[in-house]
N, C-alpha and C. Protein backbone atom coordinates (compact mmCIF):
# COMPACT_ATOMS: atom_id res chain seq x y z
N MET A 1 174.65 12.55 -10.82
CA MET A 1 173.64 11.83 -9.80
C MET A 1 172.48 11.31 -10.60
N GLN A 2 172.47 9.88 -10.49
CA GLN A 2 171.33 9.17 -11.08
C GLN A 2 169.94 9.17 -10.34
N THR A 3 169.02 9.24 -10.92
CA THR A 3 167.84 9.51 -10.36
C THR A 3 166.84 8.38 -10.98
N ASN A 4 165.84 7.92 -10.43
CA ASN A 4 164.81 7.02 -10.61
C ASN A 4 163.43 7.61 -10.96
N LEU A 5 163.60 8.89 -10.89
CA LEU A 5 162.49 9.65 -11.33
C LEU A 5 162.42 9.72 -12.78
N PRO A 6 161.10 9.83 -13.57
CA PRO A 6 161.03 9.97 -14.81
C PRO A 6 161.39 11.37 -15.31
N GLN A 7 162.08 11.41 -16.66
CA GLN A 7 162.35 12.58 -16.96
C GLN A 7 161.28 13.65 -17.14
N HIS A 8 161.61 14.76 -16.70
CA HIS A 8 160.68 16.05 -16.92
C HIS A 8 160.46 16.12 -18.41
N PRO A 9 159.02 16.59 -18.72
CA PRO A 9 158.75 16.70 -20.26
C PRO A 9 159.44 18.04 -20.81
N CYS A 10 160.07 19.00 -20.03
CA CYS A 10 160.57 20.24 -20.47
C CYS A 10 162.00 19.91 -20.73
N ALA A 11 162.82 18.95 -20.14
CA ALA A 11 164.21 18.62 -20.40
C ALA A 11 164.39 18.56 -21.86
N ASN A 12 165.49 19.37 -22.08
CA ASN A 12 165.93 19.30 -23.60
C ASN A 12 165.01 20.16 -24.53
N LYS A 13 163.98 20.75 -24.06
CA LYS A 13 162.94 21.46 -24.78
C LYS A 13 162.64 22.88 -24.49
N CYS A 14 162.73 23.13 -23.09
CA CYS A 14 162.30 24.41 -22.38
C CYS A 14 163.74 24.95 -22.11
N THR A 15 164.14 26.22 -22.51
CA THR A 15 165.12 26.71 -22.02
C THR A 15 165.32 27.34 -20.36
N ASP A 16 164.07 27.33 -19.89
CA ASP A 16 164.00 27.78 -18.55
C ASP A 16 164.05 26.50 -17.53
N PHE A 17 163.93 25.47 -18.30
CA PHE A 17 164.17 23.90 -17.38
C PHE A 17 165.65 23.95 -16.60
N LYS A 18 165.58 23.73 -15.64
CA LYS A 18 167.14 23.43 -15.03
C LYS A 18 167.19 22.00 -14.55
N GLU A 19 166.68 21.82 -13.05
CA GLU A 19 166.62 20.45 -12.64
C GLU A 19 165.22 20.50 -11.83
N GLU A 20 164.58 21.38 -12.12
CA GLU A 20 163.17 21.31 -11.39
C GLU A 20 162.19 21.96 -12.28
N GLN A 21 160.86 21.74 -12.14
CA GLN A 21 159.92 22.02 -13.27
C GLN A 21 159.97 23.49 -13.21
N CYS A 22 160.17 23.99 -14.50
CA CYS A 22 160.11 25.49 -14.95
C CYS A 22 159.02 26.44 -14.64
N GLY A 23 159.09 27.64 -14.57
CA GLY A 23 157.85 28.58 -14.57
C GLY A 23 156.88 28.26 -15.59
N HIS A 24 157.58 28.18 -16.77
CA HIS A 24 156.39 28.01 -17.87
C HIS A 24 155.56 26.69 -17.76
N CYS A 25 156.19 25.91 -17.25
CA CYS A 25 155.10 24.56 -16.87
C CYS A 25 154.22 24.72 -15.80
N LEU A 26 154.75 25.32 -14.73
CA LEU A 26 153.88 25.57 -13.52
C LEU A 26 152.87 26.54 -14.12
N VAL A 27 153.00 27.48 -14.89
CA VAL A 27 151.73 28.29 -15.06
C VAL A 27 150.80 27.54 -15.96
N GLN A 28 151.16 26.71 -16.84
CA GLN A 28 150.36 25.84 -17.59
C GLN A 28 149.56 25.03 -16.71
N VAL A 29 150.15 24.27 -15.75
CA VAL A 29 149.31 23.40 -14.65
C VAL A 29 148.44 24.23 -14.10
N MET A 30 148.84 25.15 -13.47
CA MET A 30 147.92 26.25 -12.46
C MET A 30 146.73 26.60 -13.42
N ARG A 31 146.86 27.02 -14.64
CA ARG A 31 145.66 27.26 -15.55
C ARG A 31 144.66 26.25 -15.86
N THR A 32 145.17 25.10 -15.82
CA THR A 32 144.24 23.95 -16.25
C THR A 32 143.74 23.15 -14.92
N ARG A 33 144.28 23.57 -13.70
CA ARG A 33 143.80 22.89 -12.69
C ARG A 33 142.49 23.37 -12.04
N THR A 34 141.77 22.45 -11.65
CA THR A 34 140.22 22.86 -11.03
C THR A 34 140.46 22.49 -9.49
N VAL A 35 140.39 23.51 -8.66
CA VAL A 35 140.18 23.34 -7.23
C VAL A 35 139.01 23.68 -6.85
N ILE A 36 138.46 22.77 -6.15
CA ILE A 36 137.17 22.96 -5.44
C ILE A 36 137.18 22.68 -3.84
N GLU A 37 137.16 23.70 -3.32
CA GLU A 37 137.14 23.62 -1.57
C GLU A 37 135.66 23.63 -1.16
N SER A 38 135.33 22.75 -0.46
CA SER A 38 134.22 22.90 0.08
C SER A 38 133.83 22.45 1.40
N ASP A 39 132.77 22.90 2.42
CA ASP A 39 132.72 22.31 3.70
C ASP A 39 132.00 21.05 3.68
N PHE A 40 131.60 20.51 2.75
CA PHE A 40 130.58 19.39 2.77
C PHE A 40 131.62 18.34 1.56
N LEU A 41 131.37 16.96 1.68
CA LEU A 41 131.54 16.11 0.85
C LEU A 41 130.43 15.32 0.33
N SER A 42 130.40 14.72 -0.71
CA SER A 42 129.73 13.81 -1.16
C SER A 42 129.34 12.64 -0.22
N GLY A 43 127.95 12.55 0.18
CA GLY A 43 127.63 11.40 1.13
C GLY A 43 127.27 12.04 2.58
N ASP A 44 127.69 13.32 2.62
CA ASP A 44 127.41 14.07 4.15
C ASP A 44 125.79 14.09 4.13
N VAL A 45 125.42 13.96 5.48
CA VAL A 45 123.92 14.07 5.79
C VAL A 45 123.92 15.50 6.40
N VAL A 46 123.03 16.21 6.02
CA VAL A 46 122.98 17.71 6.32
C VAL A 46 121.51 18.12 6.91
N VAL A 47 121.24 19.26 7.29
CA VAL A 47 119.90 19.86 7.50
C VAL A 47 120.15 21.44 7.40
N PHE A 48 118.87 21.98 7.02
CA PHE A 48 119.26 23.45 7.06
C PHE A 48 119.26 24.10 8.35
N VAL A 49 119.94 25.11 8.39
CA VAL A 49 120.07 25.72 9.71
C VAL A 49 118.73 26.41 10.22
N ASP A 50 118.05 26.98 9.20
CA ASP A 50 116.99 27.84 9.50
C ASP A 50 115.85 26.94 9.81
N ALA A 51 115.24 27.26 11.23
CA ALA A 51 114.05 26.59 11.52
C ALA A 51 113.02 26.55 10.72
N ALA A 52 112.85 27.70 9.70
CA ALA A 52 111.52 27.95 8.81
C ALA A 52 111.71 27.20 7.61
N LYS A 53 113.03 26.42 7.43
CA LYS A 53 113.05 25.61 6.13
C LYS A 53 112.77 24.08 6.67
N PRO A 54 112.42 23.25 5.61
CA PRO A 54 112.18 21.99 6.05
C PRO A 54 113.00 21.48 7.02
N ASP A 55 112.63 20.34 7.83
CA ASP A 55 113.50 19.87 8.68
C ASP A 55 113.87 18.38 8.45
N HIS A 56 113.87 17.82 7.23
CA HIS A 56 114.28 16.43 6.77
C HIS A 56 115.63 16.47 6.68
N LEU A 57 116.15 15.21 6.82
CA LEU A 57 117.53 15.20 6.46
C LEU A 57 117.65 15.05 5.25
N MET A 58 118.90 15.71 4.51
CA MET A 58 119.31 15.53 3.21
C MET A 58 120.71 15.09 2.98
N THR A 59 120.76 14.67 1.75
CA THR A 59 122.43 13.80 1.51
C THR A 59 122.96 14.81 0.45
N VAL A 60 124.22 15.00 0.88
CA VAL A 60 124.98 15.89 -0.20
C VAL A 60 125.55 14.94 -1.58
N HIS A 61 124.92 15.36 -2.57
CA HIS A 61 125.10 14.61 -3.98
C HIS A 61 126.49 15.13 -4.52
N LYS A 62 126.54 16.38 -4.79
CA LYS A 62 127.77 16.91 -5.10
C LYS A 62 128.27 18.04 -4.53
N ALA A 63 129.46 18.29 -3.89
CA ALA A 63 129.87 19.79 -3.37
C ALA A 63 130.39 20.34 -4.41
N GLN A 64 130.25 21.72 -4.49
CA GLN A 64 130.88 22.65 -5.25
C GLN A 64 131.53 23.72 -4.11
N GLU A 65 132.20 24.60 -4.97
CA GLU A 65 132.72 25.69 -3.92
C GLU A 65 132.01 26.20 -2.91
N ASN A 66 131.04 26.86 -3.20
CA ASN A 66 129.97 27.53 -2.15
C ASN A 66 128.54 26.97 -1.84
N SER A 67 128.41 25.87 -2.57
CA SER A 67 126.86 25.25 -2.66
C SER A 67 127.06 23.85 -2.82
N VAL A 68 125.78 23.12 -2.60
CA VAL A 68 125.92 21.73 -2.76
C VAL A 68 124.67 21.32 -3.62
N LEU A 69 124.90 20.27 -4.22
CA LEU A 69 123.52 19.60 -4.84
C LEU A 69 123.33 18.58 -3.92
N LEU A 70 121.99 18.48 -3.58
CA LEU A 70 121.24 17.52 -2.68
C LEU A 70 120.26 16.59 -3.20
N ASP A 71 120.18 15.47 -2.54
CA ASP A 71 119.50 14.35 -2.77
C ASP A 71 119.25 13.96 -4.00
N GLY A 72 120.47 13.44 -4.62
CA GLY A 72 120.55 13.03 -6.09
C GLY A 72 120.18 13.94 -7.09
N ASN A 73 120.85 15.48 -6.74
CA ASN A 73 120.81 16.36 -7.65
C ASN A 73 119.22 17.08 -7.84
N ARG A 74 118.35 16.69 -6.82
CA ARG A 74 116.94 17.20 -6.85
C ARG A 74 116.96 18.87 -6.28
N SER A 75 117.89 19.05 -5.46
CA SER A 75 117.67 20.36 -4.44
C SER A 75 119.16 20.95 -4.64
N PHE A 76 119.14 22.22 -4.17
CA PHE A 76 120.21 23.03 -4.22
C PHE A 76 120.15 23.81 -2.97
N ALA A 77 121.57 24.01 -2.28
CA ALA A 77 121.68 24.80 -0.96
C ALA A 77 123.01 25.61 -1.06
N LEU A 78 122.97 26.74 -0.64
CA LEU A 78 124.46 27.55 -0.44
C LEU A 78 124.76 26.63 0.93
N ASN A 79 126.28 26.84 0.95
CA ASN A 79 126.81 26.36 2.18
C ASN A 79 126.59 26.74 3.53
N HIS A 80 126.39 28.17 3.56
CA HIS A 80 125.95 28.98 4.91
C HIS A 80 124.50 28.48 5.42
N LEU A 81 123.91 28.02 4.47
CA LEU A 81 122.46 27.77 4.89
C LEU A 81 122.40 26.15 5.58
N ILE A 82 123.34 25.67 5.43
CA ILE A 82 123.04 23.97 5.94
C ILE A 82 124.39 23.89 7.00
N ARG A 83 124.07 22.66 7.50
CA ARG A 83 125.13 22.10 8.48
C ARG A 83 124.92 20.77 8.73
N PRO A 84 126.18 20.01 9.07
CA PRO A 84 126.17 18.39 9.31
C PRO A 84 124.94 18.22 10.27
N ALA A 85 124.21 17.02 9.94
CA ALA A 85 123.36 16.57 10.98
C ALA A 85 124.05 16.03 12.08
N SER A 86 123.56 16.28 13.34
CA SER A 86 124.06 15.68 14.58
C SER A 86 123.77 14.17 14.55
N VAL A 87 124.38 13.32 15.61
CA VAL A 87 124.18 11.99 15.69
C VAL A 87 122.60 11.80 16.14
N ALA A 88 122.13 12.81 17.07
CA ALA A 88 120.93 12.73 17.60
C ALA A 88 119.93 12.82 16.40
N GLU A 89 120.12 13.82 15.48
CA GLU A 89 119.37 14.10 14.36
C GLU A 89 119.31 13.01 13.47
N LEU A 90 120.34 12.40 13.32
CA LEU A 90 120.52 11.05 12.50
C LEU A 90 119.43 10.01 12.93
N GLY A 91 119.60 9.86 14.50
CA GLY A 91 118.84 8.93 15.01
C GLY A 91 117.21 9.26 14.86
N ALA A 92 116.82 10.44 14.81
CA ALA A 92 115.63 10.88 14.84
C ALA A 92 115.03 10.91 13.29
N GLY A 93 115.76 11.14 12.39
CA GLY A 93 115.66 11.38 11.07
C GLY A 93 115.04 12.72 10.64
N LYS A 94 115.41 13.66 11.57
CA LYS A 94 114.99 15.09 11.20
C LYS A 94 115.97 16.13 11.87
N ARG A 95 115.73 17.17 11.64
CA ARG A 95 116.48 18.41 12.51
C ARG A 95 115.85 18.59 13.67
N LEU A 96 116.57 18.53 14.73
CA LEU A 96 116.12 18.93 16.05
C LEU A 96 116.31 20.40 16.43
N GLU A 97 115.70 20.74 17.47
CA GLU A 97 115.70 22.06 18.05
C GLU A 97 117.24 22.14 18.60
N GLU A 98 117.61 23.44 18.35
CA GLU A 98 119.11 23.64 18.88
C GLU A 98 119.21 23.33 20.37
N GLY A 99 120.35 22.72 20.85
CA GLY A 99 120.83 22.03 22.11
C GLY A 99 120.13 20.89 22.60
N VAL A 100 119.49 20.35 21.44
CA VAL A 100 119.01 18.89 21.96
C VAL A 100 119.82 17.77 21.55
């Protein structure tokens, strides 16, 4: 059967290669792969959950696995200490009391 897919790099080189990617290649790919899953994305507008913390809006600069860099890398917060700002908070420009 003819294929229009590019030839796999292990073809004719790796004894484990059959017609799909071999275990050797998969292991190499997984070792070099960086996976970051975060609750937030760059550009998200967030507020602190705790009322004792500042009530101003902050913008996520960079999302990491369990934390974010905020406001152009000037602040840092753990994911569980912040939440997305609500539409009402975006309009008010600050964190509002719960239920508002």
